[in-house]
Amino acid sequence: MFDVFANIRLLDILDIGLVAFIIYRIILLIKGTRAVQMLLGLVVIFVVYIASRVGDLHTLNWFLSNFLSSIILVIVVIFQNDIRRALMHVGRNPFFGGMSSNEESAVIEELVKASIALGGRKIGALIAIERENGINDILESGTEIDARVSCELIRAIFMPSSPIHDGALVVQQGRLATAGCFLPLSRGLDLTKDMGTRHRAAVGLTELSDAVAIVVSEETGNVSVAVNGGMTRNLDATSLKKVLGRLLEPRKTKIKKKTPPKKKG
């Protein structure tokens, strides 16, 4: 046993550490997504394959052997969206670029006020918020704005009389970048029938990137947030602010309390 450890080189430890880190990052990437269920399905198939070999089930073993021989291609097809999202992490693009903590909180506050106000008037809206992965290909389909995030401007953009109220408003680097953008629609079969085009577009975008999407329903006025291909629905102002604060991760300023000097004597 000690001979085995004696033959381990520093490069071997580094090699094992890198593989463990990659597996850990993959787990974090697919955590909370539908990819977890598909991964569990592949694990079950592999366990059945081992059992077929042990139990001499030749037909089942032959079938699973041919299936697993193309496992790399199968994984690429099944997890193509997650693989794309992982590769896009190479070029990270933080949402709040060079903004102060107060400015970060102000952006979230304006987004919340605008969403709740639009919901109260049952005006449909779709706001896509870029995070680490760039969505510049989406921006090309809209009209450039490049303005400060404000409740009044967001409400004006989504008014039915506005020429750019259709499509999504994209928030990039803490600013209103482009309006009237077209988003890819989700083809997920688990979406409920009451989800319209805006909801499917929001889910579709978050399936392909790490962006966050706010949806205001034109029929009910309910506000929802989509991320990682899933959706949290029927949010009020307080819960919407908490969700956005957690997803966009604004930096918290630490205020150090000054301790009064000790009196001598």
C-alpha atoms as a PDB file:
ATOM      1  CA  MET A   1       0.000   0.000   0.000  1.00  0.00           C
ATOM      2  CA  PHE A   2       2.837   2.388   0.892  1.00  0.00           C
ATOM      3  CA  ASP A   3       4.509   1.523  -2.429  1.00  0.00           C
ATOM      4  CA  VAL A   4       1.472   2.860  -4.281  1.00  0.00           C
ATOM      5  CA  PHE A   5       1.673   6.227  -2.513  1.00  0.00           C
ATOM      6  CA  ALA A   6       5.445   6.309  -3.013  1.00  0.00           C
ATOM      7  CA  ASN A   7       5.000   6.157  -6.791  1.00  0.00           C
ATOM      8  CA  ILE A   8       2.578   9.101  -6.888  1.00  0.00           C
ATOM      9  CA  ARG A   9       4.114  12.153  -8.513  1.00  0.00           C
ATOM     10  CA  LEU A  10       3.233  15.800  -7.990  1.00  0.00           C
ATOM     11  CA  LEU A  11       1.838  15.874 -11.536  1.00  0.00           C
ATOM     12  CA  ASP A  12      -0.493  12.982 -10.668  1.00  0.00           C
ATOM     13  CA  ILE A  13      -1.910  14.955  -7.744  1.00  0.00           C
ATOM     14  CA  LEU A  14      -2.338  17.988 -10.004  1.00  0.00           C
ATOM     15  CA  ASP A  15      -4.025  15.809 -12.642  1.00  0.00           C
ATOM     16  CA  ILE A  16      -6.504  14.361 -10.121  1.00  0.00           C
ATOM     17  CA  GLY A  17      -7.180  17.817  -8.699  1.00  0.00           C
ATOM     18  CA  LEU A  18      -7.966  19.268 -12.135  1.00  0.00           C
ATOM     19  CA  VAL A  19     -10.363  16.434 -12.985  1.00  0.00           C
ATOM     20  CA  ALA A  20     -12.092  16.825  -9.605  1.00  0.00           C
ATOM     21  CA  PHE A  21     -12.410  20.586 -10.163  1.00  0.00           C
ATOM     22  CA  ILE A  22     -13.916  20.080 -13.640  1.00  0.00           C
ATOM     23  CA  ILE A  23     -16.468  17.579 -12.283  1.00  0.00           C
ATOM     24  CA  TYR A  24     -17.319  19.994  -9.460  1.00  0.00           C
ATOM     25  CA  ARG A  25     -17.882  22.859 -11.912  1.00  0.00           C
ATOM     26  CA  ILE A  26     -20.060  20.648 -14.115  1.00  0.00           C
ATOM     27  CA  ILE A  27     -22.205  19.738 -11.097  1.00  0.00           C
ATOM     28  CA  LEU A  28     -22.591  23.431 -10.207  1.00  0.00           C
ATOM     29  CA  LEU A  29     -23.494  24.237 -13.817  1.00  0.00           C
ATOM     30  CA  ILE A  30     -26.314  21.697 -14.100  1.00  0.00           C
ATOM     31  CA  LYS A  31     -27.541  22.039 -10.516  1.00  0.00           C
ATOM     32  CA  GLY A  32     -31.224  22.949 -10.472  1.00  0.00           C
ATOM     33  CA  THR A  33     -31.711  22.351 -14.210  1.00  0.00           C
ATOM     34  CA  ARG A  34     -33.400  19.595 -16.200  1.00  0.00           C
ATOM     35  CA  ALA A  35     -29.950  18.277 -17.099  1.00  0.00           C
ATOM     36  CA  VAL A  36     -29.777  16.672 -13.656  1.00  0.00           C
ATOM     37  CA  GLN A  37     -32.688  14.369 -14.486  1.00  0.00           C
ATOM     38  CA  MET A  38     -31.125  13.390 -17.809  1.00  0.00           C
ATOM     39  CA  LEU A  39     -27.800  12.718 -16.096  1.00  0.00           C
ATOM     40  CA  LEU A  40     -29.535  10.471 -13.568  1.00  0.00           C
ATOM     41  CA  GLY A  41     -31.133   8.609 -16.482  1.00  0.00           C
ATOM     42  CA  LEU A  42     -27.695   7.945 -17.989  1.00  0.00           C
ATOM     43  CA  VAL A  43     -26.454   6.702 -14.604  1.00  0.00           C
ATOM     44  CA  VAL A  44     -29.390   4.257 -14.419  1.00  0.00           C
ATOM     45  CA  ILE A  45     -28.598   2.979 -17.940  1.00  0.00           C
ATOM     46  CA  PHE A  46     -24.954   2.442 -16.942  1.00  0.00           C
ATOM     47  CA  VAL A  47     -25.991   0.523 -13.793  1.00  0.00           C
ATOM     48  CA  VAL A  48     -28.306  -1.689 -15.885  1.00  0.00           C
ATOM     49  CA  TYR A  49     -25.403  -2.295 -18.290  1.00  0.00           C
ATOM     50  CA  ILE A  50     -23.160  -3.475 -15.441  1.00  0.00           C
ATOM     51  CA  ALA A  51     -25.961  -5.693 -14.129  1.00  0.00           C
ATOM     52  CA  SER A  52     -26.478  -7.213 -17.591  1.00  0.00           C
ATOM     53  CA  ARG A  53     -22.804  -8.164 -17.760  1.00  0.00           C
ATOM     54  CA  VAL A  54     -22.811  -9.693 -14.297  1.00  0.00           C
ATOM     55  CA  GLY A  55     -26.053 -11.581 -14.959  1.00  0.00           C
ATOM     56  CA  ASP A  56     -25.030 -12.779 -18.458  1.00  0.00           C
ATOM     57  CA  LEU A  57     -28.003 -11.095 -20.129  1.00  0.00           C
ATOM     58  CA  HIS A  58     -26.438 -11.227 -23.585  1.00  0.00           C
ATOM     59  CA  THR A  59     -29.150  -9.490 -25.625  1.00  0.00           C
ATOM     60  CA  LEU A  60     -29.525  -6.585 -23.174  1.00  0.00           C
ATOM     61  CA  ASN A  61     -25.760  -6.343 -22.810  1.00  0.00           C
ATOM     62  CA  TRP A  62     -25.295  -6.200 -26.598  1.00  0.00           C
ATOM     63  CA  PHE A  63     -27.920  -3.478 -26.930  1.00  0.00           C
ATOM     64  CA  LEU A  64     -26.486  -1.313 -24.125  1.00  0.00           C
ATOM     65  CA  SER A  65     -22.907  -1.872 -25.331  1.00  0.00           C
ATOM     66  CA  ASN A  66     -23.776  -0.398 -28.723  1.00  0.00           C
ATOM     67  CA  PHE A  67     -25.570   2.483 -27.036  1.00  0.00           C
ATOM     68  CA  LEU A  68     -22.704   3.294 -24.664  1.00  0.00           C
ATOM     69  CA  SER A  69     -20.127   3.031 -27.460  1.00  0.00           C
ATOM     70  CA  SER A  70     -21.572   6.299 -28.801  1.00  0.00           C
ATOM     71  CA  ILE A  71     -21.973   7.875 -25.347  1.00  0.00           C
ATOM     72  CA  ILE A  72     -19.864  10.944 -26.226  1.00  0.00           C
ATOM     73  CA  LEU A  73     -22.135  11.790 -29.162  1.00  0.00           C
ATOM     74  CA  VAL A  74     -25.211  11.120 -27.007  1.00  0.00           C
ATOM     75  CA  ILE A  75     -23.943  13.453 -24.271  1.00  0.00           C
ATOM     76  CA  VAL A  76     -23.223  16.224 -26.785  1.00  0.00           C
ATOM     77  CA  VAL A  77     -26.741  15.959 -28.237  1.00  0.00           C
ATOM     78  CA  ILE A  78     -28.528  15.764 -24.878  1.00  0.00           C
ATOM     79  CA  PHE A  79     -26.520  18.448 -23.075  1.00  0.00           C
ATOM     80  CA  GLN A  80     -25.846  20.783 -26.005  1.00  0.00           C
ATOM     81  CA  ASN A  81     -27.399  23.812 -24.297  1.00  0.00           C
ATOM     82  CA  ASP A  82     -25.521  23.198 -21.047  1.00  0.00           C
ATOM     83  CA  ILE A  83     -22.247  22.626 -22.909  1.00  0.00           C
ATOM     84  CA  ARG A  84     -22.783  25.860 -24.818  1.00  0.00           C
ATOM     85  CA  ARG A  85     -23.430  27.724 -21.556  1.00  0.00           C
ATOM     86  CA  ALA A  86     -20.261  26.248 -20.018  1.00  0.00           C
ATOM     87  CA  LEU A  87     -18.100  27.253 -22.982  1.00  0.00           C
ATOM     88  CA  MET A  88     -19.524  30.750 -22.874  1.00  0.00           C
ATOM     89  CA  HIS A  89     -18.258  31.044 -19.291  1.00  0.00           C
ATOM     90  CA  VAL A  90     -14.772  31.423 -20.762  1.00  0.00           C
ATOM     91  CA  GLY A  91     -15.541  35.062 -21.528  1.00  0.00           C
ATOM     92  CA  ARG A  92     -17.125  36.284 -18.329  1.00  0.00           C
ATOM     93  CA  ASN A  93     -19.006  39.544 -18.385  1.00  0.00           C
ATOM     94  CA  PRO A  94     -20.190  40.725 -14.945  1.00  0.00           C
ATOM     95  CA  PHE A  95     -23.606  42.396 -14.916  1.00  0.00           C
ATOM     96  CA  PHE A  96     -22.549  45.379 -12.829  1.00  0.00           C
ATOM     97  CA  GLY A  97     -19.394  46.574 -14.563  1.00  0.00           C
ATOM     98  CA  GLY A  98     -17.629  49.177 -12.432  1.00  0.00           C
ATOM     99  CA  MET A  99     -20.800  50.319 -10.670  1.00  0.00           C
ATOM    100  CA  SER A 100     -21.024  51.253  -7.015  1.00  0.00           C
ATOM    101  CA  SER A 101     -23.167  49.314  -4.583  1.00  0.00           C
ATOM    102  CA  ASN A 102     -25.743  52.129  -4.438  1.00  0.00           C
ATOM    103  CA  GLU A 103     -25.991  52.194  -8.236  1.00  0.00           C
ATOM    104  CA  GLU A 104     -26.456  48.408  -8.324  1.00  0.00           C
ATOM    105  CA  SER A 105     -29.318  48.579  -5.838  1.00  0.00           C
ATOM    106  CA  ALA A 106     -30.867  51.487  -7.760  1.00  0.00           C
ATOM    107  CA  VAL A 107     -30.923  49.475 -11.008  1.00  0.00           C
ATOM    108  CA  ILE A 108     -32.705  46.574  -9.322  1.00  0.00           C
ATOM    109  CA  GLU A 109     -35.132  48.979  -7.646  1.00  0.00           C
ATOM    110  CA  GLU A 110     -36.044  50.588 -10.991  1.00  0.00           C
ATOM    111  CA  LEU A 111     -36.557  47.177 -12.619  1.00  0.00           C
ATOM    112  CA  VAL A 112     -38.849  46.106  -9.779  1.00  0.00           C
ATOM    113  CA  LYS A 113     -40.894  49.327  -9.835  1.00  0.00           C
ATOM    114  CA  ALA A 114     -41.329  49.181 -13.606  1.00  0.00           C
ATOM    115  CA  SER A 115     -42.345  45.499 -13.607  1.00  0.00           C
ATOM    116  CA  ILE A 116     -44.911  45.925 -10.832  1.00  0.00           C
ATOM    117  CA  ALA A 117     -46.299  49.104 -12.425  1.00  0.00           C
ATOM    118  CA  LEU A 118     -46.700  47.395 -15.806  1.00  0.00           C
ATOM    119  CA  GLY A 119     -48.309  44.393 -14.137  1.00  0.00           C
ATOM    120  CA  GLY A 120     -50.784  46.653 -12.325  1.00  0.00           C
ATOM    121  CA  ARG A 121     -51.947  48.028 -15.671  1.00  0.00           C
ATOM    122  CA  LYS A 122     -51.775  44.599 -17.388  1.00  0.00           C
ATOM    123  CA  ILE A 123     -49.267  45.791 -19.953  1.00  0.00           C
ATOM    124  CA  GLY A 124     -47.182  42.908 -21.267  1.00  0.00           C
ATOM    125  CA  ALA A 125     -43.400  43.210 -20.965  1.00  0.00           C
ATOM    126  CA  LEU A 126     -40.266  41.135 -21.413  1.00  0.00           C
ATOM    127  CA  ILE A 127     -36.949  42.304 -19.938  1.00  0.00           C
ATOM    128  CA  ALA A 128     -33.792  40.268 -20.573  1.00  0.00           C
ATOM    129  CA  ILE A 129     -30.881  40.915 -18.205  1.00  0.00           C
ATOM    130  CA  GLU A 130     -27.425  39.886 -19.356  1.00  0.00           C
ATOM    131  CA  ARG A 131     -25.155  38.359 -16.718  1.00  0.00           C
ATOM    132  CA  GLU A 132     -21.798  36.655 -17.308  1.00  0.00           C
ATOM    133  CA  ASN A 133     -22.477  35.295 -20.796  1.00  0.00           C
ATOM    134  CA  GLY A 134     -22.766  37.821 -23.601  1.00  0.00           C
ATOM    135  CA  ILE A 135     -25.975  37.915 -25.661  1.00  0.00           C
ATOM    136  CA  ASN A 136     -24.788  40.332 -28.362  1.00  0.00           C
ATOM    137  CA  ASP A 137     -26.435  38.220 -31.067  1.00  0.00           C
ATOM    138  CA  ILE A 138     -29.788  39.084 -29.447  1.00  0.00           C
ATOM    139  CA  LEU A 139     -28.976  42.804 -29.411  1.00  0.00           C
ATOM    140  CA  GLU A 140     -28.526  42.900 -33.184  1.00  0.00           C
ATOM    141  CA  SER A 141     -32.241  42.204 -33.712  1.00  0.00           C
ATOM    142  CA  GLY A 142     -33.435  45.286 -31.805  1.00  0.00           C
ATOM    143  CA  THR A 143     -33.232  49.063 -31.635  1.00  0.00           C
ATOM    144  CA  GLU A 144     -30.306  50.561 -29.737  1.00  0.00           C
ATOM    145  CA  ILE A 145     -31.185  52.741 -26.737  1.00  0.00           C
ATOM    146  CA  ASP A 146     -28.136  52.970 -24.423  1.00  0.00           C
ATOM    147  CA  ALA A 147     -29.870  54.757 -21.581  1.00  0.00           C
ATOM    148  CA  ARG A 148     -29.907  54.721 -17.793  1.00  0.00           C
ATOM    149  CA  VAL A 149     -32.277  52.185 -16.246  1.00  0.00           C
ATOM    150  CA  SER A 150     -35.379  54.041 -15.099  1.00  0.00           C
ATOM    151  CA  CYS A 151     -38.933  52.996 -14.307  1.00  0.00           C
ATOM    152  CA  GLU A 152     -40.428  55.761 -16.459  1.00  0.00           C
ATOM    153  CA  LEU A 153     -38.446  54.852 -19.565  1.00  0.00           C
ATOM    154  CA  ILE A 154     -39.182  51.130 -19.228  1.00  0.00           C
ATOM    155  CA  ARG A 155     -42.896  51.845 -18.883  1.00  0.00           C
ATOM    156  CA  ALA A 156     -42.806  54.132 -21.924  1.00  0.00           C
ATOM    157  CA  ILE A 157     -41.066  51.471 -24.033  1.00  0.00           C
ATOM    158  CA  PHE A 158     -43.735  48.836 -23.322  1.00  0.00           C
ATOM    159  CA  MET A 159     -46.759  51.088 -23.807  1.00  0.00           C
ATOM    160  CA  PRO A 160     -48.920  49.626 -26.637  1.00  0.00           C
ATOM    161  CA  SER A 161     -48.526  52.878 -28.572  1.00  0.00           C
ATOM    162  CA  SER A 162     -44.730  52.582 -28.552  1.00  0.00           C
ATOM    163  CA  PRO A 163     -43.209  51.377 -31.853  1.00  0.00           C
ATOM    164  CA  ILE A 164     -40.709  49.186 -29.945  1.00  0.00           C
ATOM    165  CA  HIS A 165     -43.045  47.622 -27.358  1.00  0.00           C
ATOM    166  CA  ASP A 166     -42.945  44.209 -29.092  1.00  0.00           C
ATOM    167  CA  GLY A 167     -39.977  42.010 -28.305  1.00  0.00           C
ATOM    168  CA  ALA A 168     -37.589  42.143 -25.375  1.00  0.00           C
ATOM    169  CA  LEU A 169     -35.823  45.015 -23.664  1.00  0.00           C
ATOM    170  CA  VAL A 170     -32.218  44.020 -22.953  1.00  0.00           C
ATOM    171  CA  VAL A 171     -30.323  45.305 -19.921  1.00  0.00           C
ATOM    172  CA  GLN A 172     -26.544  45.112 -20.356  1.00  0.00           C
ATOM    173  CA  GLN A 173     -23.824  46.350 -18.000  1.00  0.00           C
ATOM    174  CA  GLY A 174     -26.472  47.978 -15.820  1.00  0.00           C
ATOM    175  CA  ARG A 175     -27.954  50.049 -18.699  1.00  0.00           C
ATOM    176  CA  LEU A 176     -30.897  49.764 -21.062  1.00  0.00           C
ATOM    177  CA  ALA A 177     -29.061  48.621 -24.177  1.00  0.00           C
ATOM    178  CA  THR A 178     -31.613  47.592 -26.824  1.00  0.00           C
ATOM    179  CA  ALA A 179     -35.402  47.274 -27.185  1.00  0.00           C
ATOM    180  CA  GLY A 180     -37.605  45.256 -29.534  1.00  0.00           C
ATOM    181  CA  CYS A 181     -35.254  42.265 -29.561  1.00  0.00           C
ATOM    182  CA  PHE A 182     -36.393  38.830 -30.741  1.00  0.00           C
ATOM    183  CA  LEU A 183     -35.643  35.921 -28.414  1.00  0.00           C
ATOM    184  CA  PRO A 184     -35.564  32.193 -29.234  1.00  0.00           C
ATOM    185  CA  LEU A 185     -38.751  30.392 -28.174  1.00  0.00           C
ATOM    186  CA  SER A 186     -38.479  27.404 -25.863  1.00  0.00           C
ATOM    187  CA  ARG A 187     -39.639  24.069 -27.236  1.00  0.00           C
ATOM    188  CA  GLY A 188     -40.046  22.576 -23.787  1.00  0.00           C
ATOM    189  CA  LEU A 189     -43.097  20.385 -23.442  1.00  0.00           C
ATOM    190  CA  ASP A 190     -43.380  20.991 -19.694  1.00  0.00           C
ATOM    191  CA  LEU A 191     -44.546  24.598 -20.106  1.00  0.00           C
ATOM    192  CA  THR A 192     -48.162  25.122 -19.100  1.00  0.00           C
ATOM    193  CA  LYS A 193     -50.786  26.181 -21.647  1.00  0.00           C
ATOM    194  CA  ASP A 194     -51.343  29.556 -19.985  1.00  0.00           C
ATOM    195  CA  MET A 195     -47.769  30.590 -20.841  1.00  0.00           C
ATOM    196  CA  GLY A 196     -47.799  32.836 -23.872  1.00  0.00           C
ATOM    197  CA  THR A 197     -45.112  33.824 -26.359  1.00  0.00           C
ATOM    198  CA  ARG A 198     -43.339  36.117 -23.893  1.00  0.00           C
ATOM    199  CA  HIS A 199     -42.992  33.320 -21.333  1.00  0.00           C
ATOM    200  CA  ARG A 200     -41.694  30.878 -23.944  1.00  0.00           C
ATOM    201  CA  ALA A 201     -39.224  33.479 -25.210  1.00  0.00           C
ATOM    202  CA  ALA A 202     -37.992  34.133 -21.668  1.00  0.00           C
ATOM    203  CA  VAL A 203     -37.463  30.427 -20.989  1.00  0.00           C
ATOM    204  CA  GLY A 204     -35.898  29.940 -24.427  1.00  0.00           C
ATOM    205  CA  LEU A 205     -33.285  32.636 -23.759  1.00  0.00           C
ATOM    206  CA  THR A 206     -32.392  31.224 -20.337  1.00  0.00           C
ATOM    207  CA  GLU A 207     -32.014  27.748 -21.820  1.00  0.00           C
ATOM    208  CA  LEU A 208     -29.256  29.044 -24.104  1.00  0.00           C
ATOM    209  CA  SER A 209     -27.515  31.477 -21.742  1.00  0.00           C
ATOM    210  CA  ASP A 210     -27.241  32.436 -18.070  1.00  0.00           C
ATOM    211  CA  ALA A 211     -29.366  35.553 -18.620  1.00  0.00           C
ATOM    212  CA  VAL A 212     -32.295  36.438 -16.356  1.00  0.00           C
ATOM    213  CA  ALA A 213     -35.657  37.356 -17.879  1.00  0.00           C
ATOM    214  CA  ILE A 214     -38.542  39.253 -16.276  1.00  0.00           C
ATOM    215  CA  VAL A 215     -41.971  38.605 -17.803  1.00  0.00           C
ATOM    216  CA  VAL A 216     -45.128  40.626 -17.209  1.00  0.00           C
ATOM    217  CA  SER A 217     -48.281  38.850 -18.357  1.00  0.00           C
ATOM    218  CA  GLU A 218     -50.634  40.914 -20.499  1.00  0.00           C
ATOM    219  CA  GLU A 219     -53.615  38.743 -19.529  1.00  0.00           C
ATOM    220  CA  THR A 220     -53.184  38.541 -15.736  1.00  0.00           C
ATOM    221  CA  GLY A 221     -50.581  41.186 -14.886  1.00  0.00           C
ATOM    222  CA  ASN A 222     -48.554  38.580 -12.984  1.00  0.00           C
ATOM    223  CA  VAL A 223     -44.783  39.051 -12.857  1.00  0.00           C
ATOM    224  CA  SER A 224     -42.453  36.077 -13.365  1.00  0.00           C
ATOM    225  CA  VAL A 225     -38.686  35.531 -13.518  1.00  0.00           C
ATOM    226  CA  ALA A 226     -37.022  32.954 -15.772  1.00  0.00           C
ATOM    227  CA  VAL A 227     -33.503  31.574 -15.239  1.00  0.00           C
ATOM    228  CA  ASN A 228     -31.708  28.357 -16.269  1.00  0.00           C
ATOM    229  CA  GLY A 229     -34.728  27.182 -18.256  1.00  0.00           C
ATOM    230  CA  GLY A 230     -37.073  27.414 -15.259  1.00  0.00           C
ATOM    231  CA  MET A 231     -39.572  30.028 -14.137  1.00  0.00           C
ATOM    232  CA  THR A 232     -40.711  31.498 -10.814  1.00  0.00           C
ATOM    233  CA  ARG A 233     -44.181  32.960 -11.173  1.00  0.00           C
ATOM    234  CA  ASN A 234     -46.598  35.338  -9.426  1.00  0.00           C
ATOM    235  CA  LEU A 235     -43.992  37.529  -7.727  1.00  0.00           C
ATOM    236  CA  ASP A 236     -44.860  40.671  -5.788  1.00  0.00           C
ATOM    237  CA  ALA A 237     -42.524  43.638  -5.350  1.00  0.00           C
ATOM    238  CA  THR A 238     -40.776  42.224  -2.269  1.00  0.00           C
ATOM    239  CA  SER A 239     -40.193  38.729  -3.660  1.00  0.00           C
ATOM    240  CA  LEU A 240     -39.143  40.098  -7.074  1.00  0.00           C
ATOM    241  CA  LYS A 241     -36.547  42.316  -5.440  1.00  0.00           C
ATOM    242  CA  LYS A 242     -35.195  39.368  -3.442  1.00  0.00           C
ATOM    243  CA  VAL A 243     -34.998  37.129  -6.511  1.00  0.00           C
ATOM    244  CA  LEU A 244     -33.216  39.749  -8.617  1.00  0.00           C
ATOM    245  CA  GLY A 245     -30.879  40.615  -5.763  1.00  0.00           C
ATOM    246  CA  ARG A 246     -29.889  36.956  -5.416  1.00  0.00           C
ATOM    247  CA  LEU A 247     -29.485  36.314  -9.148  1.00  0.00           C
ATOM    248  CA  LEU A 248     -27.658  39.516 -10.033  1.00  0.00           C
ATOM    249  CA  GLU A 249     -25.575  39.411  -6.829  1.00  0.00           C
ATOM    250  CA  PRO A 250     -25.035  43.084  -6.091  1.00  0.00           C
ATOM    251  CA  ARG A 251     -21.961  43.716  -3.994  1.00  0.00           C
ATOM    252  CA  LYS A 252     -22.603  44.561  -0.383  1.00  0.00           C
ATOM    253  CA  THR A 253     -20.640  47.387   1.103  1.00  0.00           C
ATOM    254  CA  LYS A 254     -19.300  46.672   4.504  1.00  0.00           C
ATOM    255  CA  ILE A 255     -19.565  49.632   6.842  1.00  0.00           C
ATOM    256  CA  LYS A 256     -17.055  49.466   9.607  1.00  0.00           C
ATOM    257  CA  LYS A 257     -18.229  50.923  12.864  1.00  0.00           C
ATOM    258  CA  LYS A 258     -15.758  53.286  14.410  1.00  0.00           C
ATOM    259  CA  THR A 259     -15.112  52.438  18.023  1.00  0.00           C
ATOM    260  CA  PRO A 260     -14.811  55.503  20.222  1.00  0.00           C
ATOM    261  CA  PRO A 261     -11.384  56.013  21.764  1.00  0.00           C
ATOM    262  CA  LYS A 262     -10.988  54.711  25.242  1.00  0.00           C
ATOM    263  CA  LYS A 263     -10.892  57.325  27.917  1.00  0.00           C
ATOM    264  CA  LYS A 264      -7.735  57.391  29.937  1.00  0.00           C
ATOM    265  CA  GLY A 265      -7.940  57.077  33.632  1.00  0.00           C
END
